[in-house]
Amino acid sequence: MKTFEITKENDGRKIIRFLQKTLPSAGMGDIRRFLRLGRVKIDGKKAKEDSVLAVGQRVDIYVEDAFFEEIEKEDPFYSRIRPKLTILYEDAHVMLLDKRAGLICHPDEGEKVHTLLTYAQAYLYQKGEWNPKKDFAPALCNRIDRFTAGIVILAKTQEAARAMDAKLRTHEVQKYYLCIVHGRMKYPEGTLRHFLTKKPEQKKVTVSRKNEPGSKETITHYRVVDENGGLTLTECLLGTGRTHQIRAQFAFIGHPLLGDNQYGSAKENEKHGRVNGQALCAYRLMFDFEGDAGCLAPLNGRAFQVRHVPFVTEYFPDVVIPDCE
């Protein structure tokens, strides 16, 4: 039951109009039923449909709380999107998404709908797990280039976003990539250590062997998986997380990624029939948390891997990537 005191705003208003405003989730049939059953009283007396309110009167309404709540209108943006997602893992706090090559992670000036983040938010909205007007906005914890495929972490809650950010900064999440590079690597495995510089006005990064002003140390561990026709399938483990790290470092040592026209040669890529973006996939994540993981505890000690890497099947059909679990 809820009680209302009539003010000047409702002076002279019929009770049925007052109830329409006060009970936004009730239909006209509900309101007439409440009046008929005596669930609405004016100064302790049963209200009638034609009752007129006056300043100072007390109105008691004996109905369920749900009728007093505003009907949640469907969001016109997120309700119309058809989410195209490959979900590798989901719990109450995080999702692991397998992003396809060609899909951008975040909305930008040119694309608002067809992005990984928008699809994920629409998916959660349509499940009833997220309200864009009230709740924390689900956010990506890591990002990969448009034409790089692979696993992206999404935080569904603010608690998860903070916890995952801390774990990523302390390198408690191991990121493995598969890539195809031009040429034959001199050593079957090794570590690339360089200094990378990113300038805001440039889309490319530069790599140097020396620590120059504004540069950051960049470390990539690699091992050769297979070789075929002048191409090398390579697995990389990130020691740092810099922009275009793998692409720039391998190009710097003379082995640009297949399909990477930005750091490599479009002419060489065309020879191998790769013209639609770099052969690079963030294919595996391993979670090895130190200390309390909080809401991320279900991930601790686990590894997740994409189910299919198209460029491996195309260029190295005999290679079988073992499942990580």
C-alpha atoms as a PDB file:
ATOM      1  CA  MET A   1       0.000   0.000   0.000  1.00  0.00           C
ATOM      2  CA  LYS A   2       1.142   3.517  -0.797  1.00  0.00           C
ATOM      3  CA  THR A   3      -0.339   6.825   0.379  1.00  0.00           C
ATOM      4  CA  PHE A   4      -0.398  10.103  -1.548  1.00  0.00           C
ATOM      5  CA  GLU A   5      -1.425  13.580  -0.386  1.00  0.00           C
ATOM      6  CA  ILE A   6      -3.155  15.606  -3.067  1.00  0.00           C
ATOM      7  CA  THR A   7      -1.420  18.891  -3.939  1.00  0.00           C
ATOM      8  CA  LYS A   8      -2.384  21.776  -6.221  1.00  0.00           C
ATOM      9  CA  GLU A   9      -1.004  19.852  -9.192  1.00  0.00           C
ATOM     10  CA  ASN A  10      -3.852  17.316  -8.922  1.00  0.00           C
ATOM     11  CA  ASP A  11      -6.585  19.572  -7.518  1.00  0.00           C
ATOM     12  CA  GLY A  12      -9.802  19.011  -9.480  1.00  0.00           C
ATOM     13  CA  ARG A  13      -8.418  15.956 -11.327  1.00  0.00           C
ATOM     14  CA  LYS A  14     -10.567  12.853 -11.619  1.00  0.00           C
ATOM     15  CA  ILE A  15      -9.268   9.885  -9.636  1.00  0.00           C
ATOM     16  CA  ILE A  16      -9.077   7.724 -12.751  1.00  0.00           C
ATOM     17  CA  ARG A  17      -6.633  10.211 -14.394  1.00  0.00           C
ATOM     18  CA  PHE A  18      -4.603  10.411 -11.202  1.00  0.00           C
ATOM     19  CA  LEU A  19      -4.307   6.613 -11.129  1.00  0.00           C
ATOM     20  CA  GLN A  20      -3.197   6.483 -14.764  1.00  0.00           C
ATOM     21  CA  LYS A  21      -0.261   8.732 -13.891  1.00  0.00           C
ATOM     22  CA  THR A  22       0.492   7.102 -10.523  1.00  0.00           C
ATOM     23  CA  LEU A  23       0.290   3.512 -11.792  1.00  0.00           C
ATOM     24  CA  PRO A  24       2.219   3.648 -15.112  1.00  0.00           C
ATOM     25  CA  SER A  25       2.332  -0.144 -15.435  1.00  0.00           C
ATOM     26  CA  ALA A  26      -1.434  -0.566 -15.017  1.00  0.00           C
ATOM     27  CA  GLY A  27      -3.816  -0.628 -17.926  1.00  0.00           C
ATOM     28  CA  MET A  28      -7.252   1.002 -17.872  1.00  0.00           C
ATOM     29  CA  GLY A  29      -8.803  -2.384 -17.155  1.00  0.00           C
ATOM     30  CA  ASP A  30      -6.543  -2.803 -14.126  1.00  0.00           C
ATOM     31  CA  ILE A  31      -7.431   0.655 -12.810  1.00  0.00           C
ATOM     32  CA  ARG A  32     -11.200   0.072 -13.107  1.00  0.00           C
ATOM     33  CA  ARG A  33     -10.774  -3.277 -11.365  1.00  0.00           C
ATOM     34  CA  PHE A  34      -8.842  -1.672  -8.492  1.00  0.00           C
ATOM     35  CA  LEU A  35     -11.630   0.909  -8.062  1.00  0.00           C
ATOM     36  CA  ARG A  36     -14.349  -1.727  -8.200  1.00  0.00           C
ATOM     37  CA  LEU A  37     -12.620  -3.895  -5.577  1.00  0.00           C
ATOM     38  CA  GLY A  38     -12.099  -0.963  -3.225  1.00  0.00           C
ATOM     39  CA  ARG A  39      -8.314  -0.962  -3.484  1.00  0.00           C
ATOM     40  CA  VAL A  40      -8.306   2.824  -3.893  1.00  0.00           C
ATOM     41  CA  LYS A  41      -9.558   4.958  -1.014  1.00  0.00           C
ATOM     42  CA  ILE A  42      -9.912   8.713  -0.611  1.00  0.00           C
ATOM     43  CA  ASP A  43      -9.660   9.780   3.033  1.00  0.00           C
ATOM     44  CA  GLY A  44     -10.440   6.220   4.037  1.00  0.00           C
ATOM     45  CA  LYS A  45     -13.504   5.807   1.826  1.00  0.00           C
ATOM     46  CA  LYS A  46     -13.816   3.704  -1.337  1.00  0.00           C
ATOM     47  CA  ALA A  47     -13.137   5.816  -4.411  1.00  0.00           C
ATOM     48  CA  LYS A  48     -15.484   5.833  -7.399  1.00  0.00           C
ATOM     49  CA  GLU A  49     -14.604   6.252 -11.081  1.00  0.00           C
ATOM     50  CA  ASP A  50     -16.084   9.758 -11.137  1.00  0.00           C
ATOM     51  CA  SER A  51     -14.474  10.905  -7.864  1.00  0.00           C
ATOM     52  CA  VAL A  52     -12.762  14.308  -8.132  1.00  0.00           C
ATOM     53  CA  LEU A  53      -9.691  15.076  -6.026  1.00  0.00           C
ATOM     54  CA  ALA A  54      -9.150  18.151  -3.829  1.00  0.00           C
ATOM     55  CA  VAL A  55      -6.066  19.629  -2.184  1.00  0.00           C
ATOM     56  CA  GLY A  56      -5.270  18.006   1.157  1.00  0.00           C
ATOM     57  CA  GLN A  57      -7.058  14.716   0.522  1.00  0.00           C
ATOM     58  CA  ARG A  58      -5.272  11.441   1.228  1.00  0.00           C
ATOM     59  CA  VAL A  59      -5.342   8.689  -1.395  1.00  0.00           C
ATOM     60  CA  ASP A  60      -4.474   5.126  -0.308  1.00  0.00           C
ATOM     61  CA  ILE A  61      -3.708   2.620  -3.081  1.00  0.00           C
ATOM     62  CA  TYR A  62      -3.632  -1.094  -2.188  1.00  0.00           C
ATOM     63  CA  VAL A  63      -1.929  -2.754  -5.209  1.00  0.00           C
ATOM     64  CA  GLU A  64       1.324  -4.574  -5.966  1.00  0.00           C
ATOM     65  CA  ASP A  65       4.476  -2.453  -6.109  1.00  0.00           C
ATOM     66  CA  ALA A  66       5.090  -3.432  -9.727  1.00  0.00           C
ATOM     67  CA  PHE A  67       2.150  -1.260 -10.865  1.00  0.00           C
ATOM     68  CA  PHE A  68       3.883   1.854  -9.493  1.00  0.00           C
ATOM     69  CA  GLU A  69       7.015   1.248 -11.590  1.00  0.00           C
ATOM     70  CA  GLU A  70       7.593   2.832 -14.969  1.00  0.00           C
ATOM     71  CA  ILE A  71       7.413   0.367 -17.838  1.00  0.00           C
ATOM     72  CA  GLU A  72      10.916  -0.120 -19.209  1.00  0.00           C
ATOM     73  CA  LYS A  73      10.748   0.869 -22.844  1.00  0.00           C
ATOM     74  CA  GLU A  74      12.706  -1.155 -25.323  1.00  0.00           C
ATOM     75  CA  ASP A  75      15.938   0.494 -26.396  1.00  0.00           C
ATOM     76  CA  PRO A  76      15.530   1.294 -30.124  1.00  0.00           C
ATOM     77  CA  PHE A  77      19.237   0.868 -30.837  1.00  0.00           C
ATOM     78  CA  TYR A  78      20.251  -2.342 -29.048  1.00  0.00           C
ATOM     79  CA  SER A  79      16.944  -4.124 -29.617  1.00  0.00           C
ATOM     80  CA  ARG A  80      17.320  -3.964 -33.418  1.00  0.00           C
ATOM     81  CA  ILE A  81      20.865  -5.309 -33.642  1.00  0.00           C
ATOM     82  CA  ARG A  82      21.426  -8.948 -34.494  1.00  0.00           C
ATOM     83  CA  PRO A  83      24.555  -9.847 -32.511  1.00  0.00           C
ATOM     84  CA  LYS A  84      27.039 -11.925 -34.477  1.00  0.00           C
ATOM     85  CA  LEU A  85      29.219 -13.390 -31.760  1.00  0.00           C
ATOM     86  CA  THR A  86      31.329 -16.474 -31.176  1.00  0.00           C
ATOM     87  CA  ILE A  87      31.453 -16.912 -27.414  1.00  0.00           C
ATOM     88  CA  LEU A  88      34.224 -19.097 -26.020  1.00  0.00           C
ATOM     89  CA  TYR A  89      33.345 -18.531 -22.362  1.00  0.00           C
ATOM     90  CA  GLU A  90      30.800 -16.602 -20.304  1.00  0.00           C
ATOM     91  CA  ASP A  91      29.973 -16.173 -16.648  1.00  0.00           C
ATOM     92  CA  ALA A  92      28.333 -13.440 -14.578  1.00  0.00           C
ATOM     93  CA  HIS A  93      31.340 -11.129 -14.897  1.00  0.00           C
ATOM     94  CA  VAL A  94      33.256 -11.786 -18.137  1.00  0.00           C
ATOM     95  CA  MET A  95      32.968 -13.052 -21.686  1.00  0.00           C
ATOM     96  CA  LEU A  96      35.704 -14.349 -23.988  1.00  0.00           C
ATOM     97  CA  LEU A  97      34.852 -13.551 -27.596  1.00  0.00           C
ATOM     98  CA  ASP A  98      36.389 -14.919 -30.786  1.00  0.00           C
ATOM     99  CA  LYS A  99      36.592 -11.845 -33.053  1.00  0.00           C
ATOM    100  CA  ARG A 100      36.660 -12.505 -36.760  1.00  0.00           C
ATOM    101  CA  ALA A 101      39.165 -10.716 -38.969  1.00  0.00           C
ATOM    102  CA  GLY A 102      37.681  -7.579 -40.520  1.00  0.00           C
ATOM    103  CA  LEU A 103      35.489  -6.669 -37.543  1.00  0.00           C
ATOM    104  CA  ILE A 104      36.551  -3.607 -35.552  1.00  0.00           C
ATOM    105  CA  CYS A 105      36.556  -3.779 -31.756  1.00  0.00           C
ATOM    106  CA  HIS A 106      35.085  -0.370 -30.894  1.00  0.00           C
ATOM    107  CA  PRO A 107      32.626   1.961 -32.616  1.00  0.00           C
ATOM    108  CA  ASP A 108      34.239   4.853 -34.465  1.00  0.00           C
ATOM    109  CA  GLU A 109      33.117   7.732 -36.656  1.00  0.00           C
ATOM    110  CA  GLY A 110      32.549   5.436 -39.601  1.00  0.00           C
ATOM    111  CA  GLU A 111      30.877   2.467 -37.879  1.00  0.00           C
ATOM    112  CA  LYS A 112      28.572   2.359 -34.855  1.00  0.00           C
ATOM    113  CA  VAL A 113      26.705  -0.923 -35.257  1.00  0.00           C
ATOM    114  CA  HIS A 114      28.926  -3.608 -36.739  1.00  0.00           C
ATOM    115  CA  THR A 115      31.582  -3.726 -34.001  1.00  0.00           C
ATOM    116  CA  LEU A 116      32.532  -6.375 -31.469  1.00  0.00           C
ATOM    117  CA  LEU A 117      31.611  -4.178 -28.509  1.00  0.00           C
ATOM    118  CA  THR A 118      28.235  -3.175 -29.948  1.00  0.00           C
ATOM    119  CA  TYR A 119      27.358  -6.789 -30.716  1.00  0.00           C
ATOM    120  CA  ALA A 120      28.305  -7.846 -27.176  1.00  0.00           C
ATOM    121  CA  GLN A 121      26.307  -5.039 -25.568  1.00  0.00           C
ATOM    122  CA  ALA A 122      23.271  -5.829 -27.747  1.00  0.00           C
ATOM    123  CA  TYR A 123      23.565  -9.501 -26.804  1.00  0.00           C
ATOM    124  CA  LEU A 124      23.567  -8.673 -23.087  1.00  0.00           C
ATOM    125  CA  TYR A 125      20.745  -6.148 -23.480  1.00  0.00           C
ATOM    126  CA  GLN A 126      18.553  -8.645 -25.312  1.00  0.00           C
ATOM    127  CA  LYS A 127      19.258 -11.262 -22.631  1.00  0.00           C
ATOM    128  CA  GLY A 128      18.056  -8.799 -20.021  1.00  0.00           C
ATOM    129  CA  GLU A 129      21.456  -8.671 -18.296  1.00  0.00           C
ATOM    130  CA  TRP A 130      22.270  -5.061 -19.127  1.00  0.00           C
ATOM    131  CA  ASN A 131      20.311  -1.820 -18.999  1.00  0.00           C
ATOM    132  CA  PRO A 132      22.148   1.019 -20.798  1.00  0.00           C
ATOM    133  CA  LYS A 133      20.279   3.590 -18.688  1.00  0.00           C
ATOM    134  CA  LYS A 134      21.221   2.143 -15.314  1.00  0.00           C
ATOM    135  CA  ASP A 135      24.115  -0.308 -15.403  1.00  0.00           C
ATOM    136  CA  PHE A 136      27.858  -0.234 -15.977  1.00  0.00           C
ATOM    137  CA  ALA A 137      28.530  -0.363 -19.709  1.00  0.00           C
ATOM    138  CA  PRO A 138      30.215  -3.664 -20.657  1.00  0.00           C
ATOM    139  CA  ALA A 139      33.738  -2.912 -21.876  1.00  0.00           C
ATOM    140  CA  LEU A 140      36.548  -4.631 -23.764  1.00  0.00           C
ATOM    141  CA  CYS A 141      39.612  -5.291 -21.610  1.00  0.00           C
ATOM    142  CA  ASN A 142      41.961  -5.783 -24.544  1.00  0.00           C
ATOM    143  CA  ARG A 143      41.759  -4.984 -28.213  1.00  0.00           C
ATOM    144  CA  ILE A 144      43.205  -6.333 -31.427  1.00  0.00           C
ATOM    145  CA  ASP A 145      43.533  -4.784 -34.883  1.00  0.00           C
ATOM    146  CA  ARG A 146      40.655  -4.880 -37.318  1.00  0.00           C
ATOM    147  CA  PHE A 147      42.202  -7.515 -39.562  1.00  0.00           C
ATOM    148  CA  THR A 148      43.613  -9.552 -36.679  1.00  0.00           C
ATOM    149  CA  ALA A 149      41.356 -12.354 -35.503  1.00  0.00           C
ATOM    150  CA  GLY A 150      41.213 -13.901 -32.079  1.00  0.00           C
ATOM    151  CA  ILE A 151      40.189 -13.702 -28.447  1.00  0.00           C
ATOM    152  CA  VAL A 152      39.017 -10.470 -26.862  1.00  0.00           C
ATOM    153  CA  ILE A 153      38.023 -10.194 -23.199  1.00  0.00           C
ATOM    154  CA  LEU A 154      34.834  -8.352 -22.286  1.00  0.00           C
ATOM    155  CA  ALA A 155      34.014  -7.249 -18.729  1.00  0.00           C
ATOM    156  CA  LYS A 156      30.305  -7.378 -17.961  1.00  0.00           C
ATOM    157  CA  THR A 157      30.708  -5.634 -14.604  1.00  0.00           C
ATOM    158  CA  GLN A 158      32.807  -2.794 -13.238  1.00  0.00           C
ATOM    159  CA  GLU A 159      34.310  -5.181 -10.700  1.00  0.00           C
ATOM    160  CA  ALA A 160      35.517  -7.450 -13.495  1.00  0.00           C
ATOM    161  CA  ALA A 161      36.882  -4.531 -15.529  1.00  0.00           C
ATOM    162  CA  ARG A 162      39.036  -3.357 -12.644  1.00  0.00           C
ATOM    163  CA  ALA A 163      40.228  -6.851 -11.752  1.00  0.00           C
ATOM    164  CA  MET A 164      41.094  -7.809 -15.332  1.00  0.00           C
ATOM    165  CA  ASP A 165      42.912  -4.533 -15.937  1.00  0.00           C
ATOM    166  CA  ALA A 166      45.094  -5.249 -12.902  1.00  0.00           C
ATOM    167  CA  LYS A 167      45.829  -8.807 -14.054  1.00  0.00           C
ATOM    168  CA  LEU A 168      46.727  -7.664 -17.561  1.00  0.00           C
ATOM    169  CA  ARG A 169      49.087  -4.985 -16.237  1.00  0.00           C
ATOM    170  CA  THR A 170      50.913  -7.534 -14.070  1.00  0.00           C
ATOM    171  CA  HIS A 171      51.148 -10.013 -16.980  1.00  0.00           C
ATOM    172  CA  GLU A 172      49.021 -12.666 -15.270  1.00  0.00           C
ATOM    173  CA  VAL A 173      47.237 -13.307 -18.569  1.00  0.00           C
ATOM    174  CA  GLN A 174      49.402 -14.940 -21.222  1.00  0.00           C
ATOM    175  CA  LYS A 175      48.536 -14.059 -24.817  1.00  0.00           C
ATOM    176  CA  TYR A 176      49.517 -16.440 -27.609  1.00  0.00           C
ATOM    177  CA  TYR A 177      49.284 -15.593 -31.295  1.00  0.00           C
ATOM    178  CA  LEU A 178      49.652 -17.565 -34.510  1.00  0.00           C
ATOM    179  CA  CYS A 179      50.984 -15.794 -37.575  1.00  0.00           C
ATOM    180  CA  ILE A 180      52.457 -16.533 -40.972  1.00  0.00           C
ATOM    181  CA  VAL A 181      55.593 -14.627 -41.913  1.00  0.00           C
ATOM    182  CA  HIS A 182      57.443 -14.327 -45.185  1.00  0.00           C
ATOM    183  CA  GLY A 183      60.687 -16.250 -45.505  1.00  0.00           C
ATOM    184  CA  ARG A 184      62.433 -18.782 -43.329  1.00  0.00           C
ATOM    185  CA  MET A 185      63.363 -17.874 -39.774  1.00  0.00           C
ATOM    186  CA  LYS A 186      67.058 -18.221 -38.941  1.00  0.00           C
ATOM    187  CA  TYR A 187      66.364 -19.818 -35.572  1.00  0.00           C
ATOM    188  CA  PRO A 188      63.515 -22.211 -34.710  1.00  0.00           C
ATOM    189  CA  GLU A 189      62.730 -20.185 -31.599  1.00  0.00           C
ATOM    190  CA  GLY A 190      63.865 -17.033 -29.897  1.00  0.00           C
ATOM    191  CA  THR A 191      62.971 -13.681 -28.381  1.00  0.00           C
ATOM    192  CA  LEU A 192      62.630 -10.401 -30.229  1.00  0.00           C
ATOM    193  CA  ARG A 193      63.682  -7.429 -28.101  1.00  0.00           C
ATOM    194  CA  HIS A 194      63.334  -3.981 -29.593  1.00  0.00           C
ATOM    195  CA  PHE A 195      62.144  -0.481 -28.799  1.00  0.00           C
ATOM    196  CA  LEU A 196      58.897   0.667 -30.328  1.00  0.00           C
ATOM    197  CA  THR A 197      57.818   4.265 -30.885  1.00  0.00           C
ATOM    198  CA  LYS A 198      54.266   5.329 -31.583  1.00  0.00           C
ATOM    199  CA  LYS A 199      53.545   8.867 -32.721  1.00  0.00           C
ATOM    200  CA  PRO A 200      49.953  10.142 -32.441  1.00  0.00           C
ATOM    201  CA  GLU A 201      49.943  11.562 -35.957  1.00  0.00           C
ATOM    202  CA  GLN A 202      51.106   8.282 -37.536  1.00  0.00           C
ATOM    203  CA  LYS A 203      49.158   5.058 -38.084  1.00  0.00           C
ATOM    204  CA  LYS A 204      52.364   3.008 -38.136  1.00  0.00           C
ATOM    205  CA  VAL A 205      54.849   2.423 -35.355  1.00  0.00           C
ATOM    206  CA  THR A 206      58.606   2.440 -35.720  1.00  0.00           C
ATOM    207  CA  VAL A 207      61.025  -0.134 -34.319  1.00  0.00           C
ATOM    208  CA  SER A 208      64.622   0.364 -33.244  1.00  0.00           C
ATOM    209  CA  ARG A 209      67.330  -1.640 -31.535  1.00  0.00           C
ATOM    210  CA  LYS A 210      68.174   1.382 -29.393  1.00  0.00           C
ATOM    211  CA  ASN A 211      66.163   3.044 -26.668  1.00  0.00           C
ATOM    212  CA  GLU A 212      65.160   6.329 -28.232  1.00  0.00           C
ATOM    213  CA  PRO A 213      63.172   9.213 -26.684  1.00  0.00           C
ATOM    214  CA  GLY A 214      59.515   8.227 -26.400  1.00  0.00           C
ATOM    215  CA  SER A 215      60.133   4.576 -27.196  1.00  0.00           C
ATOM    216  CA  LYS A 216      59.065   1.571 -25.126  1.00  0.00           C
ATOM    217  CA  GLU A 217      60.730  -1.807 -24.786  1.00  0.00           C
ATOM    218  CA  THR A 218      58.943  -4.450 -26.821  1.00  0.00           C
ATOM    219  CA  ILE A 219      59.358  -8.199 -26.245  1.00  0.00           C
ATOM    220  CA  THR A 220      57.962 -11.068 -28.298  1.00  0.00           C
ATOM    221  CA  HIS A 221      58.865 -14.726 -27.766  1.00  0.00           C
ATOM    222  CA  TYR A 222      58.398 -16.962 -30.800  1.00  0.00           C
ATOM    223  CA  ARG A 223      58.758 -20.538 -32.031  1.00  0.00           C
ATOM    224  CA  VAL A 224      58.499 -21.911 -35.548  1.00  0.00           C
ATOM    225  CA  VAL A 225      55.600 -24.325 -36.032  1.00  0.00           C
ATOM    226  CA  ASP A 226      56.058 -25.236 -39.702  1.00  0.00           C
ATOM    227  CA  GLU A 227      57.452 -24.021 -43.020  1.00  0.00           C
ATOM    228  CA  ASN A 228      55.883 -24.228 -46.467  1.00  0.00           C
ATOM    229  CA  GLY A 229      56.561 -22.552 -49.813  1.00  0.00           C
ATOM    230  CA  GLY A 230      58.613 -19.660 -48.522  1.00  0.00           C
ATOM    231  CA  LEU A 231      56.242 -19.018 -45.609  1.00  0.00           C
ATOM    232  CA  THR A 232      56.675 -19.811 -41.926  1.00  0.00           C
ATOM    233  CA  LEU A 233      53.894 -20.534 -39.463  1.00  0.00           C
ATOM    234  CA  THR A 234      54.968 -19.074 -36.136  1.00  0.00           C
ATOM    235  CA  GLU A 235      53.588 -19.051 -32.607  1.00  0.00           C
ATOM    236  CA  CYS A 236      54.217 -15.936 -30.530  1.00  0.00           C
ATOM    237  CA  LEU A 237      53.903 -15.242 -26.820  1.00  0.00           C
ATOM    238  CA  LEU A 238      53.706 -11.571 -25.935  1.00  0.00           C
ATOM    239  CA  GLY A 239      56.138 -10.325 -23.340  1.00  0.00           C
ATOM    240  CA  THR A 240      54.724  -6.818 -23.707  1.00  0.00           C
ATOM    241  CA  GLY A 241      51.531  -5.473 -25.206  1.00  0.00           C
ATOM    242  CA  ARG A 242      52.404  -2.717 -27.660  1.00  0.00           C
ATOM    243  CA  THR A 243      50.512  -1.436 -30.672  1.00  0.00           C
ATOM    244  CA  HIS A 244      51.220  -3.539 -33.807  1.00  0.00           C
ATOM    245  CA  GLN A 245      53.946  -5.299 -31.821  1.00  0.00           C
ATOM    246  CA  ILE A 246      54.150  -8.595 -33.726  1.00  0.00           C
ATOM    247  CA  ARG A 247      53.597  -7.007 -37.119  1.00  0.00           C
ATOM    248  CA  ALA A 248      56.231  -4.316 -36.644  1.00  0.00           C
ATOM    249  CA  GLN A 249      58.897  -6.500 -35.026  1.00  0.00           C
ATOM    250  CA  PHE A 250      58.804  -9.262 -37.607  1.00  0.00           C
ATOM    251  CA  ALA A 251      58.855  -6.721 -40.434  1.00  0.00           C
ATOM    252  CA  PHE A 252      61.848  -5.054 -38.773  1.00  0.00           C
ATOM    253  CA  ILE A 253      63.867  -8.290 -38.869  1.00  0.00           C
ATOM    254  CA  GLY A 254      62.957  -8.904 -42.513  1.00  0.00           C
ATOM    255  CA  HIS A 255      59.998 -11.271 -42.061  1.00  0.00           C
ATOM    256  CA  PRO A 256      56.784  -9.233 -42.454  1.00  0.00           C
ATOM    257  CA  LEU A 257      53.503 -10.979 -41.892  1.00  0.00           C
ATOM    258  CA  LEU A 258      51.700 -12.471 -44.846  1.00  0.00           C
ATOM    259  CA  GLY A 259      48.971 -10.079 -45.989  1.00  0.00           C
ATOM    260  CA  ASP A 260      50.317  -7.097 -44.065  1.00  0.00           C
ATOM    261  CA  ASN A 261      50.567  -4.361 -46.685  1.00  0.00           C
ATOM    262  CA  GLN A 262      51.204  -1.707 -44.048  1.00  0.00           C
ATOM    263  CA  TYR A 263      54.486  -3.138 -42.784  1.00  0.00           C
ATOM    264  CA  GLY A 264      55.248  -5.478 -45.661  1.00  0.00           C
ATOM    265  CA  SER A 265      55.001  -5.624 -49.446  1.00  0.00           C
ATOM    266  CA  ALA A 266      51.655  -5.735 -51.241  1.00  0.00           C
ATOM    267  CA  LYS A 267      53.404  -7.250 -54.257  1.00  0.00           C
ATOM    268  CA  GLU A 268      54.844 -10.125 -52.212  1.00  0.00           C
ATOM    269  CA  ASN A 269      51.498 -10.721 -50.515  1.00  0.00           C
ATOM    270  CA  GLU A 270      49.739 -10.935 -53.870  1.00  0.00           C
ATOM    271  CA  LYS A 271      52.152 -13.661 -54.959  1.00  0.00           C
ATOM    272  CA  HIS A 272      50.764 -15.827 -52.160  1.00  0.00           C
ATOM    273  CA  GLY A 273      47.163 -14.801 -52.762  1.00  0.00           C
ATOM    274  CA  ARG A 274      46.795 -12.929 -49.492  1.00  0.00           C
ATOM    275  CA  VAL A 275      45.262  -9.515 -50.037  1.00  0.00           C
ATOM    276  CA  ASN A 276      42.652  -9.254 -47.264  1.00  0.00           C
ATOM    277  CA  GLY A 277      44.687  -8.443 -44.168  1.00  0.00           C
ATOM    278  CA  GLN A 278      47.505  -9.882 -42.106  1.00  0.00           C
ATOM    279  CA  ALA A 279      47.640 -13.575 -41.208  1.00  0.00           C
ATOM    280  CA  LEU A 280      47.564 -13.022 -37.460  1.00  0.00           C
ATOM    281  CA  CYS A 281      45.328 -14.529 -34.787  1.00  0.00           C
ATOM    282  CA  ALA A 282      45.257 -14.072 -31.003  1.00  0.00           C
ATOM    283  CA  TYR A 283      44.411 -17.730 -30.711  1.00  0.00           C
ATOM    284  CA  ARG A 284      45.026 -18.625 -27.062  1.00  0.00           C
ATOM    285  CA  LEU A 285      44.725 -17.059 -23.598  1.00  0.00           C
ATOM    286  CA  MET A 286      46.052 -18.583 -20.397  1.00  0.00           C
ATOM    287  CA  PHE A 287      45.052 -17.247 -16.989  1.00  0.00           C
ATOM    288  CA  ASP A 288      47.618 -17.714 -14.242  1.00  0.00           C
ATOM    289  CA  PHE A 289      46.633 -15.412 -11.400  1.00  0.00           C
ATOM    290  CA  GLU A 290      48.780 -14.689  -8.384  1.00  0.00           C
ATOM    291  CA  GLY A 291      46.912 -14.097  -5.141  1.00  0.00           C
ATOM    292  CA  ASP A 292      43.225 -13.264  -4.904  1.00  0.00           C
ATOM    293  CA  ALA A 293      41.486 -13.113  -8.279  1.00  0.00           C
ATOM    294  CA  GLY A 294      38.132 -11.971  -6.879  1.00  0.00           C
ATOM    295  CA  CYS A 295      35.323 -12.301  -9.398  1.00  0.00           C
ATOM    296  CA  LEU A 296      37.825 -13.677 -11.941  1.00  0.00           C
ATOM    297  CA  ALA A 297      38.547 -16.774  -9.861  1.00  0.00           C
ATOM    298  CA  PRO A 298      36.664 -19.149 -12.227  1.00  0.00           C
ATOM    299  CA  LEU A 299      39.251 -18.327 -14.931  1.00  0.00           C
ATOM    300  CA  ASN A 300      42.332 -19.031 -12.834  1.00  0.00           C
ATOM    301  CA  GLY A 301      44.475 -21.887 -14.127  1.00  0.00           C
ATOM    302  CA  ARG A 302      42.465 -22.235 -17.316  1.00  0.00           C
ATOM    303  CA  ALA A 303      43.324 -21.761 -20.982  1.00  0.00           C
ATOM    304  CA  PHE A 304      41.011 -20.897 -23.873  1.00  0.00           C
ATOM    305  CA  GLN A 305      41.610 -21.248 -27.583  1.00  0.00           C
ATOM    306  CA  VAL A 306      39.812 -20.344 -30.796  1.00  0.00           C
ATOM    307  CA  ARG A 307      38.276 -23.318 -32.530  1.00  0.00           C
ATOM    308  CA  HIS A 308      39.477 -22.552 -36.040  1.00  0.00           C
ATOM    309  CA  VAL A 309      42.212 -20.394 -37.582  1.00  0.00           C
ATOM    310  CA  PRO A 310      41.338 -20.075 -41.302  1.00  0.00           C
ATOM    311  CA  PHE A 311      44.772 -19.013 -42.572  1.00  0.00           C
ATOM    312  CA  VAL A 312      46.413 -22.035 -40.923  1.00  0.00           C
ATOM    313  CA  THR A 313      43.985 -24.360 -42.702  1.00  0.00           C
ATOM    314  CA  GLU A 314      44.568 -22.548 -46.002  1.00  0.00           C
ATOM    315  CA  TYR A 315      48.361 -22.348 -46.003  1.00  0.00           C
ATOM    316  CA  PHE A 316      49.336 -25.181 -43.643  1.00  0.00           C
ATOM    317  CA  PRO A 317      46.610 -27.819 -44.069  1.00  0.00           C
ATOM    318  CA  ASP A 318      48.698 -30.568 -42.466  1.00  0.00           C
ATOM    319  CA  VAL A 319      49.241 -28.666 -39.207  1.00  0.00           C
ATOM    320  CA  VAL A 320      46.968 -29.708 -36.371  1.00  0.00           C
ATOM    321  CA  ILE A 321      46.869 -27.251 -33.484  1.00  0.00           C
ATOM    322  CA  PRO A 322      46.437 -29.237 -30.261  1.00  0.00           C
ATOM    323  CA  ASP A 323      43.574 -28.214 -28.014  1.00  0.00           C
ATOM    324  CA  CYS A 324      44.729 -26.364 -24.916  1.00  0.00           C
ATOM    325  CA  GLU A 325      42.249 -28.082 -22.592  1.00  0.00           C
END
